[in-house]
Amino acid sequence: MNTGSAWFMLIAAGLIDVAWAASMKLSQGYTRLGWTVASLIALAAFVYLLGRALTALPVGSAYAVWTGIGAAGTVLLGAAVFGETLNPWRLGGVALIVAGIALLHRAPV
């Protein structure tokens, strides 16, 4: 696998991680069957994609980028969908995560 495909899979895994977090919340503690199934499917999908991406990318950078996409995306999704607070401190944290992702992506391997 080339690194371009690996980065694509890693970004997709990060975005699916955001969907997984949302589906976990919507499952209400895994008491709602449909959202529970969606959560488990999302979990399997992002683990698969992350594993595939790791065949071509350094584990430290890839894991940090995946985690960053999931964390930043979940904060933004929580504000947009679940009405969670989005204040300057949280936006600053998201900005730092995005900056870190950009630096890791640009770093030579």
PDB file of N, CA and C in Angstrom:
ATOM      1  N   MET A   1       0.858  -1.176   0.000  1.00  0.00           N
ATOM      2  CA  MET A   1       0.000   0.000   0.000  1.00  0.00           C
ATOM      3  C   MET A   1       0.900   1.233   0.000  1.00  0.00           C
ATOM      4  N   ASN A   2       0.518   2.235  -0.780  1.00  0.00           N
ATOM      5  CA  ASN A   2       1.295   3.467  -0.785  1.00  0.00           C
ATOM      6  C   ASN A   2       0.840   4.384   0.356  1.00  0.00           C
ATOM      7  N   THR A   3       1.660   5.368   0.675  1.00  0.00           N
ATOM      8  CA  THR A   3       1.343   6.221   1.819  1.00  0.00           C
ATOM      9  C   THR A   3       0.107   7.082   1.578  1.00  0.00           C
ATOM     10  N   GLY A   4      -0.161   7.456   0.333  1.00  0.00           N
ATOM     11  CA  GLY A   4      -1.366   8.236   0.044  1.00  0.00           C
ATOM     12  C   GLY A   4      -2.630   7.472   0.414  1.00  0.00           C
ATOM     13  N   SER A   5      -2.679   6.209   0.028  1.00  0.00           N
ATOM     14  CA  SER A   5      -3.832   5.371   0.382  1.00  0.00           C
ATOM     15  C   SER A   5      -3.915   5.172   1.886  1.00  0.00           C
ATOM     16  N   ALA A   6      -2.759   5.015   2.520  1.00  0.00           N
ATOM     17  CA  ALA A   6      -2.742   4.820   3.972  1.00  0.00           C
ATOM     18  C   ALA A   6      -3.269   6.056   4.687  1.00  0.00           C
ATOM     19  N   TRP A   7      -2.877   7.239   4.226  1.00  0.00           N
ATOM     20  CA  TRP A   7      -3.383   8.467   4.853  1.00  0.00           C
ATOM     21  C   TRP A   7      -4.887   8.597   4.641  1.00  0.00           C
ATOM     22  N   PHE A   8      -5.360   8.231   3.472  1.00  0.00           N
ATOM     23  CA  PHE A   8      -6.808   8.266   3.207  1.00  0.00           C
ATOM     24  C   PHE A   8      -7.547   7.337   4.173  1.00  0.00           C
ATOM     25  N   MET A   9      -7.030   6.113   4.340  1.00  0.00           N
ATOM     26  CA  MET A   9      -7.661   5.164   5.256  1.00  0.00           C
ATOM     27  C   MET A   9      -7.605   5.670   6.697  1.00  0.00           C
ATOM     28  N   LEU A  10      -6.502   6.305   7.053  1.00  0.00           N
ATOM     29  CA  LEU A  10      -6.367   6.830   8.411  1.00  0.00           C
ATOM     30  C   LEU A  10      -7.374   7.950   8.673  1.00  0.00           C
ATOM     31  N   ILE A  11      -7.533   8.843   7.722  1.00  0.00           N
ATOM     32  CA  ILE A  11      -8.513   9.929   7.871  1.00  0.00           C
ATOM     33  C   ILE A  11      -9.925   9.353   7.945  1.00  0.00           C
ATOM     34  N   ALA A  12     -10.218   8.376   7.089  1.00  0.00           N
ATOM     35  CA  ALA A  12     -11.534   7.728   7.144  1.00  0.00           C
ATOM     36  C   ALA A  12     -11.748   7.064   8.496  1.00  0.00           C
ATOM     37  N   ALA A  13     -10.725   6.412   9.037  1.00  0.00           N
ATOM     38  CA  ALA A  13     -10.835   5.777  10.355  1.00  0.00           C
ATOM     39  C   ALA A  13     -11.125   6.818  11.424  1.00  0.00           C
ATOM     40  N   GLY A  14     -10.486   7.984  11.333  1.00  0.00           N
ATOM     41  CA  GLY A  14     -10.737   9.047  12.296  1.00  0.00           C
ATOM     42  C   GLY A  14     -12.158   9.567  12.228  1.00  0.00           C
ATOM     43  N   LEU A  15     -12.667   9.731  11.022  1.00  0.00           N
ATOM     44  CA  LEU A  15     -14.046  10.206  10.857  1.00  0.00           C
ATOM     45  C   LEU A  15     -15.056   9.165  11.331  1.00  0.00           C
ATOM     46  N   ILE A  16     -14.766   7.903  11.073  1.00  0.00           N
ATOM     47  CA  ILE A  16     -15.645   6.845  11.554  1.00  0.00           C
ATOM     48  C   ILE A  16     -15.591   6.765  13.080  1.00  0.00           C
ATOM     49  N   ASP A  17     -14.438   7.101  13.649  1.00  0.00           N
ATOM     50  CA  ASP A  17     -14.318   7.160  15.107  1.00  0.00           C
ATOM     51  C   ASP A  17     -15.291   8.193  15.683  1.00  0.00           C
ATOM     52  N   VAL A  18     -15.446   9.313  14.998  1.00  0.00           N
ATOM     53  CA  VAL A  18     -16.404  10.333  15.430  1.00  0.00           C
ATOM     54  C   VAL A  18     -17.829   9.767  15.375  1.00  0.00           C
ATOM     55  N   ALA A  19     -18.150   9.072  14.291  1.00  0.00           N
ATOM     56  CA  ALA A  19     -19.472   8.448  14.171  1.00  0.00           C
ATOM     57  C   ALA A  19     -19.674   7.407  15.267  1.00  0.00           C
ATOM     58  N   TRP A  20     -18.619   6.680  15.605  1.00  0.00           N
ATOM     59  CA  TRP A  20     -18.702   5.687  16.670  1.00  0.00           C
ATOM     60  C   TRP A  20     -19.034   6.348  18.009  1.00  0.00           C
ATOM     61  N   ALA A  21     -18.349   7.459  18.308  1.00  0.00           N
ATOM     62  CA  ALA A  21     -18.615   8.155  19.569  1.00  0.00           C
ATOM     63  C   ALA A  21     -20.069   8.636  19.630  1.00  0.00           C
ATOM     64  N   ALA A  22     -20.551   9.182  18.521  1.00  0.00           N
ATOM     65  CA  ALA A  22     -21.942   9.650  18.484  1.00  0.00           C
ATOM     66  C   ALA A  22     -22.913   8.485  18.651  1.00  0.00           C
ATOM     67  N   SER A  23     -22.631   7.381  17.982  1.00  0.00           N
ATOM     68  CA  SER A  23     -23.539   6.230  18.091  1.00  0.00           C
ATOM     69  C   SER A  23     -23.517   5.635  19.496  1.00  0.00           C
ATOM     70  N   MET A  24     -22.371   5.707  20.178  1.00  0.00           N
ATOM     71  CA  MET A  24     -22.341   5.244  21.572  1.00  0.00           C
ATOM     72  C   MET A  24     -23.247   6.104  22.441  1.00  0.00           C
ATOM     73  N   LYS A  25     -23.183   7.421  22.237  1.00  0.00           N
ATOM     74  CA  LYS A  25     -24.049   8.308  23.023  1.00  0.00           C
ATOM     75  C   LYS A  25     -25.514   8.028  22.710  1.00  0.00           C
ATOM     76  N   LEU A  26     -25.829   7.880  21.432  1.00  0.00           N
ATOM     77  CA  LEU A  26     -27.208   7.638  21.030  1.00  0.00           C
ATOM     78  C   LEU A  26     -27.720   6.265  21.464  1.00  0.00           C
ATOM     79  N   SER A  27     -26.805   5.333  21.733  1.00  0.00           N
ATOM     80  CA  SER A  27     -27.230   4.003  22.187  1.00  0.00           C
ATOM     81  C   SER A  27     -27.695   4.019  23.639  1.00  0.00           C
ATOM     82  N   GLN A  28     -27.456   5.133  24.323  1.00  0.00           N
ATOM     83  CA  GLN A  28     -27.861   5.304  25.722  1.00  0.00           C
ATOM     84  C   GLN A  28     -27.388   4.133  26.593  1.00  0.00           C
ATOM     85  N   GLY A  29     -26.054   3.993  26.612  1.00  0.00           N
ATOM     86  CA  GLY A  29     -25.488   2.928  27.437  1.00  0.00           C
ATOM     87  C   GLY A  29     -25.715   1.544  26.860  1.00  0.00           C
ATOM     88  N   TYR A  30     -25.779   1.473  25.549  1.00  0.00           N
ATOM     89  CA  TYR A  30     -26.026   0.219  24.832  1.00  0.00           C
ATOM     90  C   TYR A  30     -27.361  -0.414  25.208  1.00  0.00           C
ATOM     91  N   THR A  31     -28.368   0.445  25.410  1.00  0.00           N
ATOM     92  CA  THR A  31     -29.719  -0.045  25.699  1.00  0.00           C
ATOM     93  C   THR A  31     -30.644   0.080  24.493  1.00  0.00           C
ATOM     94  N   ARG A  32     -30.198   0.749  23.427  1.00  0.00           N
ATOM     95  CA  ARG A  32     -31.001   0.891  22.206  1.00  0.00           C
ATOM     96  C   ARG A  32     -30.333   0.065  21.112  1.00  0.00           C
ATOM     97  N   LEU A  33     -31.031  -0.968  20.677  1.00  0.00           N
ATOM     98  CA  LEU A  33     -30.439  -1.971  19.793  1.00  0.00           C
ATOM     99  C   LEU A  33     -29.873  -1.384  18.503  1.00  0.00           C
ATOM    100  N   GLY A  34     -30.641  -0.557  17.807  1.00  0.00           N
ATOM    101  CA  GLY A  34     -30.181  -0.026  16.524  1.00  0.00           C
ATOM    102  C   GLY A  34     -28.886   0.755  16.656  1.00  0.00           C
ATOM    103  N   TRP A  35     -28.811   1.646  17.641  1.00  0.00           N
ATOM    104  CA  TRP A  35     -27.600   2.445  17.837  1.00  0.00           C
ATOM    105  C   TRP A  35     -26.455   1.591  18.376  1.00  0.00           C
ATOM    106  N   THR A  36     -26.780   0.555  19.119  1.00  0.00           N
ATOM    107  CA  THR A  36     -25.747  -0.367  19.596  1.00  0.00           C
ATOM    108  C   THR A  36     -25.106  -1.085  18.417  1.00  0.00           C
ATOM    109  N   VAL A  37     -25.926  -1.570  17.500  1.00  0.00           N
ATOM    110  CA  VAL A  37     -25.408  -2.249  16.302  1.00  0.00           C
ATOM    111  C   VAL A  37     -24.588  -1.269  15.463  1.00  0.00           C
ATOM    112  N   ALA A  38     -25.093  -0.048  15.282  1.00  0.00           N
ATOM    113  CA  ALA A  38     -24.342   0.962  14.527  1.00  0.00           C
ATOM    114  C   ALA A  38     -22.992   1.229  15.181  1.00  0.00           C
ATOM    115  N   SER A  39     -22.966   1.300  16.505  1.00  0.00           N
ATOM    116  CA  SER A  39     -21.729   1.536  17.230  1.00  0.00           C
ATOM    117  C   SER A  39     -20.724   0.415  17.000  1.00  0.00           C
ATOM    118  N   LEU A  40     -21.177  -0.817  17.060  1.00  0.00           N
ATOM    119  CA  LEU A  40     -20.281  -1.956  16.870  1.00  0.00           C
ATOM    120  C   LEU A  40     -19.760  -2.037  15.437  1.00  0.00           C
ATOM    121  N   ILE A  41     -20.605  -1.681  14.476  1.00  0.00           N
ATOM    122  CA  ILE A  41     -20.159  -1.658  13.073  1.00  0.00           C
ATOM    123  C   ILE A  41     -19.108  -0.574  12.874  1.00  0.00           C
ATOM    124  N   ALA A  42     -19.361   0.608  13.426  1.00  0.00           N
ATOM    125  CA  ALA A  42     -18.385   1.699  13.311  1.00  0.00           C
ATOM    126  C   ALA A  42     -17.074   1.317  13.984  1.00  0.00           C
ATOM    127  N   LEU A  43     -17.151   0.688  15.130  1.00  0.00           N
ATOM    128  CA  LEU A  43     -15.956   0.251  15.839  1.00  0.00           C
ATOM    129  C   LEU A  43     -15.132  -0.709  14.972  1.00  0.00           C
ATOM    130  N   ALA A  44     -15.784  -1.701  14.412  1.00  0.00           N
ATOM    131  CA  ALA A  44     -15.087  -2.665  13.559  1.00  0.00           C
ATOM    132  C   ALA A  44     -14.483  -1.979  12.337  1.00  0.00           C
ATOM    133  N   ALA A  45     -15.215  -1.035  11.761  1.00  0.00           N
ATOM    134  CA  ALA A  45     -14.736  -0.351  10.557  1.00  0.00           C
ATOM    135  C   ALA A  45     -13.501   0.485  10.848  1.00  0.00           C
ATOM    136  N   PHE A  46     -13.517   1.261  11.942  1.00  0.00           N
ATOM    137  CA  PHE A  46     -12.345   2.104  12.164  1.00  0.00           C
ATOM    138  C   PHE A  46     -11.140   1.299  12.623  1.00  0.00           C
ATOM    139  N   VAL A  47     -11.348   0.208  13.348  1.00  0.00           N
ATOM    140  CA  VAL A  47     -10.211  -0.629  13.735  1.00  0.00           C
ATOM    141  C   VAL A  47      -9.592  -1.267  12.490  1.00  0.00           C
ATOM    142  N   TYR A  48     -10.421  -1.724  11.581  1.00  0.00           N
ATOM    143  CA  TYR A  48      -9.914  -2.314  10.331  1.00  0.00           C
ATOM    144  C   TYR A  48      -9.108  -1.284   9.529  1.00  0.00           C
ATOM    145  N   LEU A  49      -9.688  -0.097   9.318  1.00  0.00           N
ATOM    146  CA  LEU A  49      -9.004   0.925   8.531  1.00  0.00           C
ATOM    147  C   LEU A  49      -7.719   1.393   9.204  1.00  0.00           C
ATOM    148  N   LEU A  50      -7.747   1.558  10.505  1.00  0.00           N
ATOM    149  CA  LEU A  50      -6.544   1.954  11.231  1.00  0.00           C
ATOM    150  C   LEU A  50      -5.460   0.887  11.076  1.00  0.00           C
ATOM    151  N   GLY A  51      -5.840  -0.352  11.218  1.00  0.00           N
ATOM    152  CA  GLY A  51      -4.876  -1.437  11.049  1.00  0.00           C
ATOM    153  C   GLY A  51      -4.261  -1.469   9.661  1.00  0.00           C
ATOM    154  N   ARG A  52      -5.089  -1.253   8.652  1.00  0.00           N
ATOM    155  CA  ARG A  52      -4.571  -1.213   7.273  1.00  0.00           C
ATOM    156  C   ARG A  52      -3.619  -0.039   7.079  1.00  0.00           C
ATOM    157  N   ALA A  53      -3.981   1.119   7.619  1.00  0.00           N
ATOM    158  CA  ALA A  53      -3.118   2.297   7.482  1.00  0.00           C
ATOM    159  C   ALA A  53      -1.767   2.076   8.153  1.00  0.00           C
ATOM    160  N   LEU A  54      -1.765   1.333   9.243  1.00  0.00           N
ATOM    161  CA  LEU A  54      -0.519   1.099   9.973  1.00  0.00           C
ATOM    162  C   LEU A  54       0.465   0.220   9.211  1.00  0.00           C
ATOM    163  N   THR A  55       0.018  -0.422   8.139  1.00  0.00           N
ATOM    164  CA  THR A  55       0.957  -1.212   7.338  1.00  0.00           C
ATOM    165  C   THR A  55       1.910  -0.318   6.566  1.00  0.00           C
ATOM    166  N   ALA A  56       1.558   0.970   6.378  1.00  0.00           N
ATOM    167  CA  ALA A  56       2.398   1.866   5.587  1.00  0.00           C
ATOM    168  C   ALA A  56       2.830   3.124   6.333  1.00  0.00           C
ATOM    169  N   LEU A  57       2.278   3.369   7.498  1.00  0.00           N
ATOM    170  CA  LEU A  57       2.584   4.596   8.238  1.00  0.00           C
ATOM    171  C   LEU A  57       3.223   4.259   9.571  1.00  0.00           C
ATOM    172  N   PRO A  58       4.050   5.171  10.092  1.00  0.00           N
ATOM    173  CA  PRO A  58       4.624   4.947  11.423  1.00  0.00           C
ATOM    174  C   PRO A  58       3.520   4.939  12.485  1.00  0.00           C
ATOM    175  N   VAL A  59       3.589   4.003  13.405  1.00  0.00           N
ATOM    176  CA  VAL A  59       2.518   3.827  14.384  1.00  0.00           C
ATOM    177  C   VAL A  59       2.333   5.070  15.253  1.00  0.00           C
ATOM    178  N   GLY A  60       3.402   5.716  15.659  1.00  0.00           N
ATOM    179  CA  GLY A  60       3.277   6.882  16.535  1.00  0.00           C
ATOM    180  C   GLY A  60       2.522   8.018  15.871  1.00  0.00           C
ATOM    181  N   SER A  61       2.902   8.339  14.655  1.00  0.00           N
ATOM    182  CA  SER A  61       2.231   9.421  13.929  1.00  0.00           C
ATOM    183  C   SER A  61       0.799   9.041  13.581  1.00  0.00           C
ATOM    184  N   ALA A  62       0.608   7.835  13.071  1.00  0.00           N
ATOM    185  CA  ALA A  62      -0.727   7.417  12.645  1.00  0.00           C
ATOM    186  C   ALA A  62      -1.696   7.384  13.817  1.00  0.00           C
ATOM    187  N   TYR A  63      -1.264   6.832  14.937  1.00  0.00           N
ATOM    188  CA  TYR A  63      -2.155   6.745  16.092  1.00  0.00           C
ATOM    189  C   TYR A  63      -2.500   8.132  16.609  1.00  0.00           C
ATOM    190  N   ALA A  64      -1.503   9.016  16.648  1.00  0.00           N
ATOM    191  CA  ALA A  64      -1.756  10.378  17.120  1.00  0.00           C
ATOM    192  C   ALA A  64      -2.722  11.115  16.187  1.00  0.00           C
ATOM    193  N   VAL A  65      -2.549  10.962  14.896  1.00  0.00           N
ATOM    194  CA  VAL A  65      -3.440  11.614  13.933  1.00  0.00           C
ATOM    195  C   VAL A  65      -4.853  11.055  14.065  1.00  0.00           C
ATOM    196  N   TRP A  66      -4.983   9.737  14.142  1.00  0.00           N
ATOM    197  CA  TRP A  66      -6.306   9.118  14.282  1.00  0.00           C
ATOM    198  C   TRP A  66      -6.991   9.600  15.556  1.00  0.00           C
ATOM    199  N   THR A  67      -6.262   9.597  16.651  1.00  0.00           N
ATOM    200  CA  THR A  67      -6.825  10.051  17.911  1.00  0.00           C
ATOM    201  C   THR A  67      -7.215  11.521  17.835  1.00  0.00           C
ATOM    202  N   GLY A  68      -6.378  12.334  17.196  1.00  0.00           N
ATOM    203  CA  GLY A  68      -6.663  13.762  17.060  1.00  0.00           C
ATOM    204  C   GLY A  68      -7.911  14.035  16.247  1.00  0.00           C
ATOM    205  N   ILE A  69      -8.040  13.322  15.127  1.00  0.00           N
ATOM    206  CA  ILE A  69      -9.246  13.488  14.306  1.00  0.00           C
ATOM    207  C   ILE A  69     -10.480  13.103  15.120  1.00  0.00           C
ATOM    208  N   GLY A  70     -10.381  11.983  15.824  1.00  0.00           N
ATOM    209  CA  GLY A  70     -11.509  11.543  16.638  1.00  0.00           C
ATOM    210  C   GLY A  70     -11.846  12.529  17.740  1.00  0.00           C
ATOM    211  N   ALA A  71     -10.825  13.031  18.427  1.00  0.00           N
ATOM    212  CA  ALA A  71     -11.058  13.950  19.543  1.00  0.00           C
ATOM    213  C   ALA A  71     -11.624  15.281  19.058  1.00  0.00           C
ATOM    214  N   ALA A  72     -10.974  15.885  18.078  1.00  0.00           N
ATOM    215  CA  ALA A  72     -11.438  17.185  17.575  1.00  0.00           C
ATOM    216  C   ALA A  72     -12.815  17.051  16.931  1.00  0.00           C
ATOM    217  N   GLY A  73     -12.985  16.019  16.136  1.00  0.00           N
ATOM    218  CA  GLY A  73     -14.270  15.812  15.471  1.00  0.00           C
ATOM    219  C   GLY A  73     -15.400  15.571  16.442  1.00  0.00           C
ATOM    220  N   THR A  74     -15.111  14.840  17.511  1.00  0.00           N
ATOM    221  CA  THR A  74     -16.148  14.545  18.499  1.00  0.00           C
ATOM    222  C   THR A  74     -16.529  15.790  19.288  1.00  0.00           C
ATOM    223  N   VAL A  75     -15.561  16.642  19.590  1.00  0.00           N
ATOM    224  CA  VAL A  75     -15.879  17.908  20.269  1.00  0.00           C
ATOM    225  C   VAL A  75     -16.806  18.749  19.392  1.00  0.00           C
ATOM    226  N   LEU A  76     -16.468  18.864  18.114  1.00  0.00           N
ATOM    227  CA  LEU A  76     -17.290  19.675  17.198  1.00  0.00           C
ATOM    228  C   LEU A  76     -18.662  19.043  16.978  1.00  0.00           C
ATOM    229  N   LEU A  77     -18.710  17.729  16.830  1.00  0.00           N
ATOM    230  CA  LEU A  77     -19.983  17.044  16.658  1.00  0.00           C
ATOM    231  C   LEU A  77     -20.848  17.184  17.913  1.00  0.00           C
ATOM    232  N   GLY A  78     -20.222  17.063  19.075  1.00  0.00           N
ATOM    233  CA  GLY A  78     -20.962  17.210  20.321  1.00  0.00           C
ATOM    234  C   GLY A  78     -21.625  18.571  20.429  1.00  0.00           C
ATOM    235  N   ALA A  79     -20.915  19.597  19.973  1.00  0.00           N
ATOM    236  CA  ALA A  79     -21.500  20.941  20.003  1.00  0.00           C
ATOM    237  C   ALA A  79     -22.612  21.083  18.971  1.00  0.00           C
ATOM    238  N   ALA A  80     -22.386  20.560  17.775  1.00  0.00           N
ATOM    239  CA  ALA A  80     -23.348  20.730  16.691  1.00  0.00           C
ATOM    240  C   ALA A  80     -24.605  19.877  16.872  1.00  0.00           C
ATOM    241  N   VAL A  81     -24.443  18.668  17.346  1.00  0.00           N
ATOM    242  CA  VAL A  81     -25.559  17.723  17.389  1.00  0.00           C
ATOM    243  C   VAL A  81     -26.188  17.608  18.780  1.00  0.00           C
ATOM    244  N   PHE A  82     -25.347  17.636  19.806  1.00  0.00           N
ATOM    245  CA  PHE A  82     -25.850  17.382  21.159  1.00  0.00           C
ATOM    246  C   PHE A  82     -25.922  18.636  22.025  1.00  0.00           C
ATOM    247  N   GLY A  83     -25.631  19.790  21.442  1.00  0.00           N
ATOM    248  CA  GLY A  83     -25.749  21.043  22.172  1.00  0.00           C
ATOM    249  C   GLY A  83     -24.716  21.230  23.271  1.00  0.00           C
ATOM    250  N   GLU A  84     -23.581  20.553  23.157  1.00  0.00           N
ATOM    251  CA  GLU A  84     -22.535  20.701  24.160  1.00  0.00           C
ATOM    252  C   GLU A  84     -21.853  22.066  24.014  1.00  0.00           C
ATOM    253  N   THR A  85     -21.297  22.553  25.093  1.00  0.00           N
ATOM    254  CA  THR A  85     -20.680  23.877  25.117  1.00  0.00           C
ATOM    255  C   THR A  85     -19.465  23.935  24.197  1.00  0.00           C
ATOM    256  N   LEU A  86     -19.390  25.006  23.428  1.00  0.00           N
ATOM    257  CA  LEU A  86     -18.238  25.254  22.575  1.00  0.00           C
ATOM    258  C   LEU A  86     -17.765  26.668  22.885  1.00  0.00           C
ATOM    259  N   ASN A  87     -16.791  26.777  23.776  1.00  0.00           N
ATOM    260  CA  ASN A  87     -16.289  28.076  24.197  1.00  0.00           C
ATOM    261  C   ASN A  87     -14.868  28.275  23.663  1.00  0.00           C
ATOM    262  N   PRO A  88     -14.278  29.444  23.891  1.00  0.00           N
ATOM    263  CA  PRO A  88     -12.924  29.690  23.370  1.00  0.00           C
ATOM    264  C   PRO A  88     -11.881  28.678  23.838  1.00  0.00           C
ATOM    265  N   TRP A  89     -11.990  28.185  25.054  1.00  0.00           N
ATOM    266  CA  TRP A  89     -11.030  27.192  25.533  1.00  0.00           C
ATOM    267  C   TRP A  89     -11.127  25.892  24.745  1.00  0.00           C
ATOM    268  N   ARG A  90     -12.340  25.446  24.513  1.00  0.00           N
ATOM    269  CA  ARG A  90     -12.523  24.204  23.747  1.00  0.00           C
ATOM    270  C   ARG A  90     -12.103  24.397  22.296  1.00  0.00           C
ATOM    271  N   LEU A  91     -12.444  25.546  21.715  1.00  0.00           N
ATOM    272  CA  LEU A  91     -12.008  25.823  20.336  1.00  0.00           C
ATOM    273  C   LEU A  91     -10.487  25.905  20.249  1.00  0.00           C
ATOM    274  N   GLY A  92      -9.869  26.486  21.255  1.00  0.00           N
ATOM    275  CA  GLY A  92      -8.406  26.536  21.291  1.00  0.00           C
ATOM    276  C   GLY A  92      -7.807  25.148  21.358  1.00  0.00           C
ATOM    277  N   GLY A  93      -8.408  24.280  22.159  1.00  0.00           N
ATOM    278  CA  GLY A  93      -7.937  22.899  22.232  1.00  0.00           C
ATOM    279  C   GLY A  93      -8.061  22.183  20.896  1.00  0.00           C
ATOM    280  N   VAL A  94      -9.189  22.386  20.231  1.00  0.00           N
ATOM    281  CA  VAL A  94      -9.381  21.777  18.909  1.00  0.00           C
ATOM    282  C   VAL A  94      -8.342  22.329  17.924  1.00  0.00           C
ATOM    283  N   ALA A  95      -8.077  23.633  17.990  1.00  0.00           N
ATOM    284  CA  ALA A  95      -7.075  24.243  17.100  1.00  0.00           C
ATOM    285  C   ALA A  95      -5.696  23.631  17.345  1.00  0.00           C
ATOM    286  N   LEU A  96      -5.348  23.400  18.595  1.00  0.00           N
ATOM    287  CA  LEU A  96      -4.060  22.779  18.898  1.00  0.00           C
ATOM    288  C   LEU A  96      -3.992  21.347  18.377  1.00  0.00           C
ATOM    289  N   ILE A  97      -5.094  20.622  18.489  1.00  0.00           N
ATOM    290  CA  ILE A  97      -5.130  19.257  17.958  1.00  0.00           C
ATOM    291  C   ILE A  97      -4.934  19.277  16.446  1.00  0.00           C
ATOM    292  N   VAL A  98      -5.648  20.157  15.768  1.00  0.00           N
ATOM    293  CA  VAL A  98      -5.532  20.255  14.302  1.00  0.00           C
ATOM    294  C   VAL A  98      -4.112  20.647  13.907  1.00  0.00           C
ATOM    295  N   ALA A  99      -3.510  21.570  14.638  1.00  0.00           N
ATOM    296  CA  ALA A  99      -2.127  21.965  14.344  1.00  0.00           C
ATOM    297  C   ALA A  99      -1.186  20.775  14.525  1.00  0.00           C
ATOM    298  N   GLY A 100      -1.399  20.008  15.573  1.00  0.00           N
ATOM    299  CA  GLY A 100      -0.577  18.821  15.793  1.00  0.00           C
ATOM    300  C   GLY A 100      -0.729  17.802  14.684  1.00  0.00           C
ATOM    301  N   ILE A 101      -1.956  17.599  14.227  1.00  0.00           N
ATOM    302  CA  ILE A 101      -2.198  16.673  13.114  1.00  0.00           C
ATOM    303  C   ILE A 101      -1.458  17.150  11.870  1.00  0.00           C
ATOM    304  N   ALA A 102      -1.549  18.435  11.577  1.00  0.00           N
ATOM    305  CA  ALA A 102      -0.869  18.988  10.399  1.00  0.00           C
ATOM    306  C   ALA A 102       0.637  18.790  10.500  1.00  0.00           C
ATOM    307  N   LEU A 103       1.205  19.035  11.660  1.00  0.00           N
ATOM    308  CA  LEU A 103       2.651  18.849  11.835  1.00  0.00           C
ATOM    309  C   LEU A 103       3.048  17.388  11.669  1.00  0.00           C
ATOM    310  N   LEU A 104       2.272  16.492  12.226  1.00  0.00           N
ATOM    311  CA  LEU A 104       2.601  15.066  12.083  1.00  0.00           C
ATOM    312  C   LEU A 104       2.499  14.605  10.633  1.00  0.00           C
ATOM    313  N   HIS A 105       1.506  15.126   9.933  1.00  0.00           N
ATOM    314  CA  HIS A 105       1.339  14.765   8.521  1.00  0.00           C
ATOM    315  C   HIS A 105       2.518  15.258   7.692  1.00  0.00           C
ATOM    316  N   ARG A 106       3.033  16.431   8.011  1.00  0.00           N
ATOM    317  CA  ARG A 106       4.130  17.032   7.239  1.00  0.00           C
ATOM    318  C   ARG A 106       5.505  16.497   7.642  1.00  0.00           C
ATOM    319  N   ALA A 107       5.591  15.858   8.792  1.00  0.00           N
ATOM    320  CA  ALA A 107       6.885  15.408   9.281  1.00  0.00           C
ATOM    321  C   ALA A 107       7.430  14.296   8.389  1.00  0.00           C
ATOM    322  N   PRO A 108       8.730  14.332   8.105  1.00  0.00           N
ATOM    323  CA  PRO A 108       9.311  13.239   7.323  1.00  0.00           C
ATOM    324  C   PRO A 108       9.282  11.937   8.106  1.00  0.00           C
ATOM    325  N   VAL A 109       9.043  10.842   7.390  1.00  0.00           N
ATOM    326  CA  VAL A 109       8.972   9.536   8.055  1.00  0.00           C
ATOM    327  C   VAL A 109      10.262   8.761   7.923  1.00  0.00           C
TER     328      VAL A 109
END
